[in-house]
Each structure stands twice: as structure tokens, then as C-alpha cells.
Amino acid sequence: MFRSRSKDEKAPTEKVTADLSKQPRDPEAPKGRPTPKRAEAQGQRRRAATPPQDRKEAMKRQREARRADLAKQREALASGDERYLPARDKGPVRRFVRDFVDSRFCIAEFFLPLAVVILVLSMIRVPQLQNIALLLWLGVIVMIVIDSVGLSIRLKKQLRERFPDEPKRGAVAYGLMRTLQMRRLRLPKPQVKRGERP
């Protein structure tokens, strides 16, 4: 009953394995590695379930878990997957704010390129160009403030209408900070096109 198999009993399985290895493998087959032995699989599960033996191992496991979480977060920021987004970006209110901002042209998103141009103009040693740079600087700041005030008023109104029972604390500031980023560099990536209303 508990005796080991003889060589004669093992022979047929070896023939079948040899025959299978000669057949061409389907290139779309998902498995490209051997199934682990039961002892190996149980050992891996035990290692994962058992608490770490020393502080060094605990730190190593913590680092690996953090790295995996950050990788998931990066993917979510690129794809917009709600499950793995950071806490500040989660929820229907924040999603609506992102879509509301991304669907519009905002003057604030052109702040960085304009600041570079103004800086270059102000460094040129021509008094007229420096005066133009100063006026341009003041004009850009005034336009950004007016645009931001208008956006925040419209956004507050929309949030009150759409989410009367949801907590909206910090949502307007979140939207205004998003306007300062260039559309291409925003994270999470914009999910709506310009002019498309959320």
C-alpha cells in the first residue's frame, strides 16, 4: 500500500511527457513556467503568513509592500483607476472637480511658460523690454486671479447642486491647484476632452 512505484510503472508517464515535449506549444498559452511543487508553494505561503523573525526582515517586507503600493498608485494615476488612487484624489467629488477643471481652458495652466518668457525679457538690459515684462507680469497675475475667482464660484455652485450631502471640504482648492498644472502634466491624467462637460 505504501510502497514506492517500480520503474515499470514510471515508464509510461515518462513516454507521455516526452511525447508532449515534442509537440509544438501554443504561443498564446499563458503559462510559461512550471507549476511549483506543493512543498514549495506551501513554503511560500508560510513565509508570507509567518511574522518576520527580526527587524531587518520586517523592514524589507515593509519596503516591498510600499514599493508594490506605489507601483499600483502610479498605474492608477495614469489610468484614472479609483481603487488605487491616493486619498486626496479619491471619491466622486474629487473626480468631478478634476473633470470640471480639465474640460476648460484656464489661464493659470499657462503660468509656467509665461513666467519663463517674462523672466527672459526682464533679464535683457533694454529698459523698454523690462517695462514690457513688468506690465506683462502684472497682466498675467490679474488675469489668473480673475479666472480663478470665476472658476471657484462656478465650481462651488456645481458642487452644491450635484453633491448636496457629500463632504466638499478642500475640493475648490484642489481644483485651483490643478489649474496651475499644464494639462499634459496633470495627475491623475485628464479623462475628459476640452469643451466636454462633466
N, C-alpha and C. Protein backbone atom coordinates (compact mmCIF):
# COMPACT_ATOMS: atom_id res chain seq x y z
N MET A 1 0.82 -1.19 0.00
CA MET A 1 0.00 0.00 0.00
C MET A 1 0.86 1.26 0.00
N PHE A 2 1.91 1.31 0.87
CA PHE A 2 2.76 2.48 0.95
C PHE A 2 4.10 2.28 0.26
N ARG A 3 4.21 1.30 -0.58
CA ARG A 3 5.48 1.04 -1.24
C ARG A 3 5.67 2.04 -2.37
N SER A 4 6.90 2.26 -2.75
CA SER A 4 7.20 3.18 -3.85
C SER A 4 6.93 2.50 -5.18
N ARG A 5 6.71 3.30 -6.19
CA ARG A 5 6.41 2.74 -7.51
C ARG A 5 7.66 2.12 -8.12
N SER A 6 7.42 1.11 -8.87
CA SER A 6 8.55 0.45 -9.54
C SER A 6 8.89 1.22 -10.81
N LYS A 7 10.01 0.86 -11.40
CA LYS A 7 10.47 1.52 -12.63
C LYS A 7 9.50 1.26 -13.78
N ASP A 8 8.85 0.08 -13.75
CA ASP A 8 7.92 -0.26 -14.82
C ASP A 8 6.72 0.67 -14.82
N GLU A 9 6.25 1.05 -13.61
CA GLU A 9 5.08 1.93 -13.51
C GLU A 9 5.43 3.35 -13.93
N LYS A 10 6.67 3.78 -13.71
CA LYS A 10 7.09 5.13 -14.06
C LYS A 10 7.32 5.30 -15.56
N ALA A 11 7.62 4.24 -16.25
CA ALA A 11 7.98 4.30 -17.66
C ALA A 11 6.88 4.92 -18.53
N PRO A 12 5.59 4.54 -18.39
CA PRO A 12 4.57 5.12 -19.27
C PRO A 12 4.46 6.64 -19.12
N THR A 13 4.56 7.15 -17.91
CA THR A 13 4.45 8.60 -17.72
C THR A 13 5.62 9.32 -18.37
N GLU A 14 6.80 8.71 -18.33
CA GLU A 14 7.96 9.33 -18.97
C GLU A 14 7.77 9.40 -20.48
N LYS A 15 7.14 8.36 -21.08
CA LYS A 15 6.89 8.36 -22.52
C LYS A 15 5.91 9.47 -22.89
N VAL A 16 4.86 9.61 -22.08
CA VAL A 16 3.84 10.63 -22.35
C VAL A 16 4.46 12.02 -22.26
N THR A 17 5.29 12.27 -21.24
CA THR A 17 5.95 13.55 -21.08
C THR A 17 6.86 13.85 -22.25
N ALA A 18 7.58 12.84 -22.71
CA ALA A 18 8.49 13.02 -23.85
C ALA A 18 7.69 13.34 -25.11
N ASP A 19 6.53 12.67 -25.28
CA ASP A 19 5.69 12.93 -26.45
C ASP A 19 5.13 14.35 -26.42
N LEU A 20 4.73 14.79 -25.23
CA LEU A 20 4.18 16.14 -25.09
C LEU A 20 5.23 17.20 -25.39
N SER A 21 6.46 16.96 -24.96
CA SER A 21 7.51 17.95 -25.18
C SER A 21 7.85 18.11 -26.66
N LYS A 22 7.60 17.04 -27.48
CA LYS A 22 7.89 17.13 -28.90
C LYS A 22 6.82 17.95 -29.64
N GLN A 23 5.59 18.00 -29.09
CA GLN A 23 4.52 18.76 -29.74
C GLN A 23 4.80 20.25 -29.63
N PRO A 24 4.46 21.01 -30.69
CA PRO A 24 4.69 22.46 -30.60
C PRO A 24 3.73 23.10 -29.60
N ARG A 25 4.27 24.03 -28.83
CA ARG A 25 3.46 24.70 -27.79
C ARG A 25 2.74 25.90 -28.39
N ASP A 26 1.50 26.09 -27.98
CA ASP A 26 0.71 27.23 -28.46
C ASP A 26 1.37 28.52 -27.97
N PRO A 27 1.72 29.46 -28.88
CA PRO A 27 2.43 30.67 -28.45
C PRO A 27 1.59 31.60 -27.56
N GLU A 28 0.27 31.46 -27.64
CA GLU A 28 -0.60 32.31 -26.81
C GLU A 28 -0.94 31.68 -25.47
N ALA A 29 -0.39 30.53 -25.20
CA ALA A 29 -0.66 29.88 -23.92
C ALA A 29 -0.09 30.73 -22.80
N PRO A 30 -0.87 30.98 -21.75
CA PRO A 30 -0.43 31.93 -20.72
C PRO A 30 0.69 31.44 -19.82
N LYS A 31 0.84 30.15 -19.70
CA LYS A 31 1.80 29.65 -18.72
C LYS A 31 3.15 29.38 -19.36
N GLY A 32 4.17 30.09 -18.90
CA GLY A 32 5.49 29.88 -19.46
C GLY A 32 6.47 29.39 -18.41
N ARG A 33 5.94 28.89 -17.30
CA ARG A 33 6.81 28.42 -16.23
C ARG A 33 6.20 27.16 -15.63
N PRO A 34 7.01 26.31 -15.04
CA PRO A 34 6.46 25.07 -14.47
C PRO A 34 5.65 25.36 -13.21
N THR A 35 4.67 24.51 -12.95
CA THR A 35 3.89 24.64 -11.73
C THR A 35 4.79 24.31 -10.55
N PRO A 36 4.78 25.14 -9.48
CA PRO A 36 5.65 24.83 -8.35
C PRO A 36 5.18 23.57 -7.62
N LYS A 37 6.14 22.87 -7.05
CA LYS A 37 5.81 21.69 -6.26
C LYS A 37 4.98 22.11 -5.04
N ARG A 38 4.21 21.19 -4.54
CA ARG A 38 3.34 21.52 -3.41
C ARG A 38 4.16 22.02 -2.22
N ALA A 39 5.28 21.39 -1.95
CA ALA A 39 6.12 21.79 -0.81
C ALA A 39 6.61 23.23 -0.98
N GLU A 40 7.00 23.59 -2.21
CA GLU A 40 7.47 24.96 -2.48
C GLU A 40 6.35 25.97 -2.28
N ALA A 41 5.16 25.65 -2.83
CA ALA A 41 4.02 26.57 -2.72
C ALA A 41 3.62 26.77 -1.26
N GLN A 42 3.60 25.65 -0.50
CA GLN A 42 3.24 25.77 0.92
C GLN A 42 4.29 26.56 1.68
N GLY A 43 5.55 26.38 1.31
CA GLY A 43 6.62 27.13 1.96
C GLY A 43 6.50 28.62 1.71
N GLN A 44 6.16 28.97 0.47
CA GLN A 44 5.97 30.39 0.15
C GLN A 44 4.80 30.98 0.93
N ARG A 45 3.72 30.21 1.03
CA ARG A 45 2.56 30.70 1.78
C ARG A 45 2.90 30.88 3.26
N ARG A 46 3.66 29.91 3.78
CA ARG A 46 4.04 30.01 5.21
C ARG A 46 4.91 31.22 5.45
N ARG A 47 5.87 31.46 4.52
CA ARG A 47 6.75 32.63 4.67
C ARG A 47 5.95 33.92 4.66
N ALA A 48 4.92 33.96 3.80
CA ALA A 48 4.10 35.17 3.71
C ALA A 48 3.24 35.33 4.96
N ALA A 49 2.78 34.20 5.51
CA ALA A 49 1.87 34.27 6.65
C ALA A 49 2.61 34.44 7.97
N THR A 50 3.81 33.90 8.08
CA THR A 50 4.52 33.98 9.35
C THR A 50 5.05 35.38 9.59
N PRO A 51 5.05 35.81 10.84
CA PRO A 51 5.60 37.14 11.13
C PRO A 51 7.12 37.13 10.94
N PRO A 52 7.70 38.27 10.61
CA PRO A 52 9.15 38.31 10.38
C PRO A 52 9.93 37.98 11.65
N GLN A 53 11.08 37.33 11.45
CA GLN A 53 11.90 36.88 12.58
C GLN A 53 12.64 38.04 13.26
N ASP A 54 13.15 38.96 12.47
CA ASP A 54 13.91 40.06 13.06
C ASP A 54 13.48 41.38 12.40
N ARG A 55 14.03 42.44 12.91
CA ARG A 55 13.67 43.78 12.46
C ARG A 55 14.07 44.04 11.01
N LYS A 56 15.19 43.49 10.62
CA LYS A 56 15.69 43.68 9.26
C LYS A 56 14.71 43.09 8.24
N GLU A 57 14.23 41.88 8.53
CA GLU A 57 13.29 41.22 7.63
C GLU A 57 11.96 41.99 7.59
N ALA A 58 11.54 42.50 8.74
CA ALA A 58 10.29 43.27 8.80
C ALA A 58 10.40 44.52 7.95
N MET A 59 11.53 45.20 8.03
CA MET A 59 11.75 46.41 7.23
C MET A 59 11.76 46.07 5.74
N LYS A 60 12.37 44.94 5.39
CA LYS A 60 12.45 44.52 4.00
C LYS A 60 11.05 44.25 3.44
N ARG A 61 10.24 43.53 4.23
CA ARG A 61 8.87 43.26 3.79
C ARG A 61 8.06 44.54 3.66
N GLN A 62 8.26 45.45 4.59
CA GLN A 62 7.54 46.72 4.56
C GLN A 62 7.93 47.53 3.31
N ARG A 63 9.23 47.54 2.99
CA ARG A 63 9.70 48.25 1.80
C ARG A 63 9.09 47.67 0.53
N GLU A 64 9.06 46.31 0.46
CA GLU A 64 8.50 45.66 -0.72
C GLU A 64 7.01 45.97 -0.86
N ALA A 65 6.29 45.97 0.26
CA ALA A 65 4.85 46.27 0.22
C ALA A 65 4.63 47.72 -0.22
N ARG A 66 5.47 48.63 0.30
CA ARG A 66 5.35 50.05 -0.07
C ARG A 66 5.64 50.25 -1.55
N ARG A 67 6.66 49.52 -2.04
CA ARG A 67 7.02 49.63 -3.46
C ARG A 67 5.88 49.13 -4.35
N ALA A 68 5.24 48.03 -3.94
CA ALA A 68 4.11 47.50 -4.72
C ALA A 68 2.94 48.47 -4.70
N ASP A 69 2.67 49.08 -3.54
CA ASP A 69 1.58 50.06 -3.44
C ASP A 69 1.85 51.27 -4.31
N LEU A 70 3.10 51.74 -4.31
CA LEU A 70 3.44 52.91 -5.13
C LEU A 70 3.32 52.60 -6.63
N ALA A 71 3.67 51.38 -7.00
CA ALA A 71 3.55 50.98 -8.42
C ALA A 71 2.08 50.98 -8.83
N LYS A 72 1.22 50.44 -7.94
CA LYS A 72 -0.22 50.44 -8.23
C LYS A 72 -0.75 51.86 -8.31
N GLN A 73 -0.25 52.73 -7.42
CA GLN A 73 -0.69 54.12 -7.39
C GLN A 73 -0.30 54.84 -8.68
N ARG A 74 0.95 54.59 -9.15
CA ARG A 74 1.40 55.22 -10.40
C ARG A 74 0.53 54.79 -11.57
N GLU A 75 0.21 53.49 -11.62
CA GLU A 75 -0.66 52.99 -12.69
C GLU A 75 -2.03 53.64 -12.61
N ALA A 76 -2.56 53.77 -11.38
CA ALA A 76 -3.89 54.37 -11.19
C ALA A 76 -3.89 55.84 -11.59
N LEU A 77 -2.80 56.56 -11.30
CA LEU A 77 -2.72 57.97 -11.68
C LEU A 77 -2.71 58.13 -13.19
N ALA A 78 -2.11 57.16 -13.89
CA ALA A 78 -2.07 57.23 -15.35
C ALA A 78 -3.39 56.81 -15.97
N SER A 79 -4.06 55.81 -15.36
CA SER A 79 -5.29 55.28 -15.96
C SER A 79 -6.55 55.86 -15.36
N GLY A 80 -6.46 56.46 -14.15
CA GLY A 80 -7.66 57.01 -13.50
C GLY A 80 -8.43 55.97 -12.71
N ASP A 81 -7.82 54.82 -12.42
CA ASP A 81 -8.48 53.76 -11.65
C ASP A 81 -8.69 54.23 -10.22
N GLU A 82 -9.96 54.33 -9.79
CA GLU A 82 -10.31 54.90 -8.48
C GLU A 82 -9.79 54.05 -7.31
N ARG A 83 -9.66 52.75 -7.50
CA ARG A 83 -9.33 51.86 -6.37
C ARG A 83 -7.97 52.17 -5.75
N TYR A 84 -6.98 52.51 -6.59
CA TYR A 84 -5.62 52.67 -6.09
C TYR A 84 -5.13 54.12 -6.07
N LEU A 85 -6.03 55.07 -6.28
CA LEU A 85 -5.62 56.48 -6.24
C LEU A 85 -5.24 56.88 -4.82
N PRO A 86 -4.38 57.88 -4.67
CA PRO A 86 -4.09 58.38 -3.32
C PRO A 86 -5.35 58.96 -2.69
N ALA A 87 -5.35 59.08 -1.36
CA ALA A 87 -6.55 59.52 -0.63
C ALA A 87 -7.02 60.89 -1.09
N ARG A 88 -6.10 61.79 -1.45
CA ARG A 88 -6.50 63.15 -1.83
C ARG A 88 -7.25 63.18 -3.16
N ASP A 89 -7.10 62.13 -4.00
CA ASP A 89 -7.74 62.10 -5.31
C ASP A 89 -8.96 61.20 -5.37
N LYS A 90 -9.30 60.53 -4.28
CA LYS A 90 -10.39 59.55 -4.30
C LYS A 90 -11.75 60.21 -4.12
N GLY A 91 -12.76 59.53 -4.61
CA GLY A 91 -14.13 59.95 -4.37
C GLY A 91 -14.78 60.64 -5.55
N PRO A 92 -16.12 60.62 -5.57
CA PRO A 92 -16.84 61.22 -6.70
C PRO A 92 -16.70 62.74 -6.77
N VAL A 93 -16.56 63.40 -5.61
CA VAL A 93 -16.42 64.86 -5.60
C VAL A 93 -15.11 65.25 -6.28
N ARG A 94 -14.01 64.62 -5.88
CA ARG A 94 -12.70 64.95 -6.47
C ARG A 94 -12.67 64.60 -7.96
N ARG A 95 -13.33 63.52 -8.33
CA ARG A 95 -13.37 63.15 -9.75
C ARG A 95 -14.11 64.22 -10.55
N PHE A 96 -15.23 64.70 -10.00
CA PHE A 96 -15.99 65.74 -10.69
C PHE A 96 -15.16 67.02 -10.81
N VAL A 97 -14.45 67.38 -9.74
CA VAL A 97 -13.61 68.59 -9.76
C VAL A 97 -12.55 68.46 -10.85
N ARG A 98 -11.91 67.30 -10.94
CA ARG A 98 -10.89 67.08 -11.99
C ARG A 98 -11.50 67.24 -13.38
N ASP A 99 -12.65 66.61 -13.59
CA ASP A 99 -13.30 66.69 -14.90
C ASP A 99 -13.74 68.12 -15.21
N PHE A 100 -14.24 68.83 -14.19
CA PHE A 100 -14.68 70.22 -14.37
C PHE A 100 -13.52 71.10 -14.80
N VAL A 101 -12.38 70.93 -14.15
CA VAL A 101 -11.19 71.74 -14.48
C VAL A 101 -10.62 71.34 -15.83
N ASP A 102 -10.55 70.03 -16.10
CA ASP A 102 -9.93 69.55 -17.33
C ASP A 102 -10.75 69.88 -18.58
N SER A 103 -12.05 70.15 -18.41
CA SER A 103 -12.89 70.43 -19.57
C SER A 103 -12.79 71.89 -20.02
N ARG A 104 -12.03 72.72 -19.30
CA ARG A 104 -11.93 74.15 -19.61
C ARG A 104 -10.51 74.59 -19.91
N PHE A 105 -10.42 75.72 -20.63
CA PHE A 105 -9.15 76.41 -20.78
C PHE A 105 -8.99 77.30 -19.56
N CYS A 106 -7.87 77.22 -18.89
CA CYS A 106 -7.60 78.09 -17.74
C CYS A 106 -6.31 78.86 -18.03
N ILE A 107 -6.32 80.12 -17.68
CA ILE A 107 -5.12 80.95 -17.90
C ILE A 107 -3.99 80.47 -17.00
N ALA A 108 -4.34 79.98 -15.82
CA ALA A 108 -3.33 79.56 -14.85
C ALA A 108 -2.44 78.43 -15.36
N GLU A 109 -2.96 77.59 -16.26
CA GLU A 109 -2.14 76.47 -16.74
C GLU A 109 -1.00 76.94 -17.64
N PHE A 110 -1.10 78.16 -18.16
CA PHE A 110 -0.03 78.72 -18.98
C PHE A 110 0.92 79.60 -18.16
N PHE A 111 0.76 79.54 -16.83
CA PHE A 111 1.57 80.40 -15.96
C PHE A 111 3.07 80.10 -16.08
N LEU A 112 3.44 78.84 -16.03
CA LEU A 112 4.87 78.48 -16.07
C LEU A 112 5.55 78.89 -17.38
N PRO A 113 4.97 78.57 -18.56
CA PRO A 113 5.63 79.03 -19.78
C PRO A 113 5.71 80.56 -19.87
N LEU A 114 4.62 81.24 -19.45
CA LEU A 114 4.63 82.70 -19.48
C LEU A 114 5.66 83.27 -18.51
N ALA A 115 5.82 82.61 -17.35
CA ALA A 115 6.81 83.08 -16.37
C ALA A 115 8.22 82.99 -16.93
N VAL A 116 8.49 81.93 -17.67
CA VAL A 116 9.82 81.78 -18.29
C VAL A 116 10.06 82.89 -19.31
N VAL A 117 9.05 83.16 -20.15
CA VAL A 117 9.18 84.22 -21.17
C VAL A 117 9.41 85.57 -20.50
N ILE A 118 8.62 85.85 -19.45
CA ILE A 118 8.75 87.14 -18.74
C ILE A 118 10.12 87.25 -18.08
N LEU A 119 10.60 86.17 -17.52
CA LEU A 119 11.92 86.17 -16.88
C LEU A 119 13.02 86.48 -17.90
N VAL A 120 12.93 85.86 -19.08
CA VAL A 120 13.92 86.11 -20.13
C VAL A 120 13.87 87.57 -20.57
N LEU A 121 12.65 88.11 -20.75
CA LEU A 121 12.51 89.52 -21.16
C LEU A 121 13.06 90.47 -20.10
N SER A 122 12.85 90.14 -18.84
CA SER A 122 13.33 91.03 -17.77
C SER A 122 14.85 90.99 -17.61
N MET A 123 15.49 89.92 -18.09
CA MET A 123 16.95 89.83 -17.97
C MET A 123 17.68 90.59 -19.08
N ILE A 124 16.97 90.90 -20.15
CA ILE A 124 17.59 91.68 -21.24
C ILE A 124 17.76 93.12 -20.76
N ARG A 125 18.93 93.68 -21.00
CA ARG A 125 19.27 95.01 -20.47
C ARG A 125 18.74 96.16 -21.34
N VAL A 126 17.50 96.04 -21.77
CA VAL A 126 16.85 97.12 -22.52
C VAL A 126 15.69 97.62 -21.65
N PRO A 127 15.70 98.87 -21.22
CA PRO A 127 14.66 99.38 -20.31
C PRO A 127 13.24 99.20 -20.84
N GLN A 128 13.03 99.37 -22.14
CA GLN A 128 11.68 99.22 -22.70
C GLN A 128 11.19 97.77 -22.57
N LEU A 129 12.06 96.81 -22.85
CA LEU A 129 11.69 95.39 -22.72
C LEU A 129 11.42 95.03 -21.26
N GLN A 130 12.19 95.60 -20.34
CA GLN A 130 11.97 95.34 -18.92
C GLN A 130 10.63 95.89 -18.47
N ASN A 131 10.26 97.06 -18.99
CA ASN A 131 8.95 97.64 -18.66
C ASN A 131 7.82 96.77 -19.22
N ILE A 132 8.00 96.28 -20.45
CA ILE A 132 7.00 95.39 -21.06
C ILE A 132 6.86 94.12 -20.23
N ALA A 133 7.99 93.57 -19.78
CA ALA A 133 7.97 92.34 -18.97
C ALA A 133 7.22 92.57 -17.67
N LEU A 134 7.44 93.74 -17.04
CA LEU A 134 6.76 94.07 -15.78
C LEU A 134 5.25 94.19 -16.00
N LEU A 135 4.85 94.89 -17.06
CA LEU A 135 3.42 95.03 -17.36
C LEU A 135 2.79 93.68 -17.71
N LEU A 136 3.53 92.87 -18.46
CA LEU A 136 3.06 91.53 -18.82
C LEU A 136 2.87 90.68 -17.56
N TRP A 137 3.81 90.77 -16.64
CA TRP A 137 3.77 90.04 -15.37
C TRP A 137 2.52 90.43 -14.59
N LEU A 138 2.27 91.73 -14.45
CA LEU A 138 1.09 92.21 -13.72
C LEU A 138 -0.19 91.77 -14.42
N GLY A 139 -0.20 91.85 -15.75
CA GLY A 139 -1.39 91.44 -16.52
C GLY A 139 -1.71 89.97 -16.33
N VAL A 140 -0.67 89.14 -16.37
CA VAL A 140 -0.87 87.69 -16.21
C VAL A 140 -1.43 87.38 -14.82
N ILE A 141 -0.87 88.02 -13.79
CA ILE A 141 -1.33 87.77 -12.42
C ILE A 141 -2.79 88.20 -12.26
N VAL A 142 -3.14 89.37 -12.79
CA VAL A 142 -4.53 89.85 -12.69
C VAL A 142 -5.48 88.89 -13.41
N MET A 143 -5.10 88.44 -14.63
CA MET A 143 -5.95 87.52 -15.38
C MET A 143 -6.12 86.18 -14.65
N ILE A 144 -5.04 85.69 -14.05
CA ILE A 144 -5.12 84.42 -13.32
C ILE A 144 -6.04 84.55 -12.13
N VAL A 145 -5.94 85.68 -11.39
CA VAL A 145 -6.80 85.89 -10.22
C VAL A 145 -8.26 85.96 -10.64
N ILE A 146 -8.56 86.71 -11.69
CA ILE A 146 -9.96 86.84 -12.16
C ILE A 146 -10.49 85.49 -12.62
N ASP A 147 -9.69 84.77 -13.40
CA ASP A 147 -10.10 83.45 -13.90
C ASP A 147 -10.33 82.48 -12.75
N SER A 148 -9.44 82.51 -11.75
CA SER A 148 -9.55 81.59 -10.61
C SER A 148 -10.79 81.90 -9.77
N VAL A 149 -11.09 83.19 -9.57
CA VAL A 149 -12.28 83.56 -8.80
C VAL A 149 -13.54 83.09 -9.53
N GLY A 150 -13.59 83.33 -10.84
CA GLY A 150 -14.75 82.88 -11.63
C GLY A 150 -14.90 81.37 -11.60
N LEU A 151 -13.79 80.66 -11.74
CA LEU A 151 -13.82 79.19 -11.71
C LEU A 151 -14.29 78.68 -10.37
N SER A 152 -13.79 79.28 -9.27
CA SER A 152 -14.17 78.80 -7.94
C SER A 152 -15.66 79.04 -7.67
N ILE A 153 -16.21 80.18 -8.14
CA ILE A 153 -17.64 80.45 -7.95
C ILE A 153 -18.49 79.42 -8.71
N ARG A 154 -18.12 79.17 -9.98
CA ARG A 154 -18.88 78.18 -10.78
C ARG A 154 -18.73 76.77 -10.20
N LEU A 155 -17.54 76.44 -9.74
CA LEU A 155 -17.30 75.11 -9.19
C LEU A 155 -18.08 74.89 -7.90
N LYS A 156 -18.10 75.90 -7.02
CA LYS A 156 -18.88 75.78 -5.77
C LYS A 156 -20.36 75.55 -6.07
N LYS A 157 -20.87 76.31 -7.04
CA LYS A 157 -22.28 76.19 -7.41
C LYS A 157 -22.59 74.78 -7.91
N GLN A 158 -21.73 74.26 -8.81
CA GLN A 158 -21.92 72.91 -9.36
C GLN A 158 -21.83 71.85 -8.27
N LEU A 159 -20.89 72.01 -7.35
CA LEU A 159 -20.73 71.04 -6.26
C LEU A 159 -21.95 71.04 -5.35
N ARG A 160 -22.50 72.22 -5.06
CA ARG A 160 -23.70 72.29 -4.21
C ARG A 160 -24.89 71.60 -4.89
N GLU A 161 -25.00 71.76 -6.22
CA GLU A 161 -26.11 71.14 -6.93
C GLU A 161 -25.96 69.63 -7.04
N ARG A 162 -24.76 69.18 -7.39
CA ARG A 162 -24.56 67.75 -7.68
C ARG A 162 -24.32 66.90 -6.45
N PHE A 163 -23.65 67.45 -5.45
CA PHE A 163 -23.30 66.67 -4.25
C PHE A 163 -23.77 67.39 -2.98
N PRO A 164 -25.10 67.47 -2.77
CA PRO A 164 -25.57 68.22 -1.60
C PRO A 164 -25.19 67.55 -0.26
N ASP A 165 -25.10 66.23 -0.25
CA ASP A 165 -24.85 65.51 1.01
C ASP A 165 -23.40 65.09 1.20
N GLU A 166 -22.59 65.19 0.16
CA GLU A 166 -21.18 64.75 0.25
C GLU A 166 -20.32 65.83 0.89
N PRO A 167 -19.27 65.42 1.64
CA PRO A 167 -18.33 66.43 2.16
C PRO A 167 -17.50 67.03 1.03
N LYS A 168 -17.46 68.37 1.00
CA LYS A 168 -16.78 69.06 -0.11
C LYS A 168 -15.58 69.87 0.37
N ARG A 169 -15.11 69.60 1.55
CA ARG A 169 -14.03 70.38 2.11
C ARG A 169 -12.75 70.22 1.29
N GLY A 170 -12.16 71.33 0.88
CA GLY A 170 -10.90 71.31 0.14
C GLY A 170 -11.05 71.04 -1.34
N ALA A 171 -12.29 70.83 -1.82
CA ALA A 171 -12.48 70.46 -3.23
C ALA A 171 -12.15 71.63 -4.16
N VAL A 172 -12.54 72.85 -3.77
CA VAL A 172 -12.28 74.02 -4.63
C VAL A 172 -10.78 74.30 -4.71
N ALA A 173 -10.10 74.23 -3.56
CA ALA A 173 -8.65 74.44 -3.54
C ALA A 173 -7.95 73.37 -4.38
N TYR A 174 -8.47 72.14 -4.33
CA TYR A 174 -7.93 71.04 -5.13
C TYR A 174 -8.04 71.38 -6.62
N GLY A 175 -9.19 71.91 -7.02
CA GLY A 175 -9.40 72.30 -8.41
C GLY A 175 -8.49 73.44 -8.84
N LEU A 176 -8.33 74.44 -7.96
CA LEU A 176 -7.47 75.58 -8.30
C LEU A 176 -6.01 75.16 -8.43
N MET A 177 -5.57 74.25 -7.58
CA MET A 177 -4.19 73.74 -7.69
C MET A 177 -4.01 72.97 -9.00
N ARG A 178 -5.06 72.29 -9.42
CA ARG A 178 -4.98 71.53 -10.68
C ARG A 178 -4.88 72.48 -11.87
N THR A 179 -5.50 73.66 -11.79
CA THR A 179 -5.43 74.61 -12.90
C THR A 179 -4.01 75.13 -13.10
N LEU A 180 -3.20 75.14 -12.05
CA LEU A 180 -1.83 75.64 -12.16
C LEU A 180 -0.90 74.69 -12.90
N GLN A 181 -1.33 73.43 -13.06
CA GLN A 181 -0.50 72.45 -13.76
C GLN A 181 -0.87 72.46 -15.24
N MET A 182 0.11 72.27 -16.09
CA MET A 182 -0.18 72.15 -17.52
C MET A 182 -0.97 70.86 -17.74
N ARG A 183 -1.92 70.92 -18.64
CA ARG A 183 -2.84 69.79 -18.84
C ARG A 183 -2.10 68.48 -19.09
N ARG A 184 -1.02 68.52 -19.87
CA ARG A 184 -0.27 67.32 -20.20
C ARG A 184 0.39 66.69 -18.98
N LEU A 185 0.72 67.51 -17.97
CA LEU A 185 1.45 67.02 -16.80
C LEU A 185 0.55 66.71 -15.61
N ARG A 186 -0.75 66.86 -15.75
CA ARG A 186 -1.66 66.65 -14.62
C ARG A 186 -1.76 65.18 -14.27
N LEU A 187 -1.81 64.92 -12.98
CA LEU A 187 -2.02 63.57 -12.45
C LEU A 187 -3.12 63.64 -11.40
N PRO A 188 -4.08 62.75 -11.43
CA PRO A 188 -4.40 61.75 -12.43
C PRO A 188 -4.64 62.38 -13.80
N LYS A 189 -4.37 61.60 -14.84
CA LYS A 189 -4.48 62.10 -16.21
C LYS A 189 -5.91 62.55 -16.49
N PRO A 190 -6.08 63.62 -17.29
CA PRO A 190 -7.44 64.07 -17.64
C PRO A 190 -8.23 62.98 -18.35
N GLN A 191 -9.49 62.82 -17.94
CA GLN A 191 -10.36 61.80 -18.52
C GLN A 191 -11.39 62.39 -19.48
N VAL A 192 -11.46 63.73 -19.55
CA VAL A 192 -12.41 64.39 -20.45
C VAL A 192 -11.66 65.30 -21.40
N LYS A 193 -12.25 65.56 -22.57
CA LYS A 193 -11.65 66.46 -23.54
C LYS A 193 -12.06 67.89 -23.22
N ARG A 194 -11.33 68.83 -23.77
CA ARG A 194 -11.70 70.23 -23.59
C ARG A 194 -13.05 70.49 -24.24
N GLY A 195 -13.89 71.27 -23.55
CA GLY A 195 -15.21 71.58 -24.07
C GLY A 195 -16.25 70.54 -23.75
N GLU A 196 -15.82 69.36 -23.31
CA GLU A 196 -16.76 68.30 -22.94
C GLU A 196 -17.17 68.50 -21.48
N ARG A 197 -18.44 68.71 -21.25
CA ARG A 197 -18.90 68.99 -19.88
C ARG A 197 -19.01 67.72 -19.06
N PRO A 198 -18.55 67.75 -17.82
CA PRO A 198 -18.63 66.54 -16.98
C PRO A 198 -20.05 66.24 -16.51
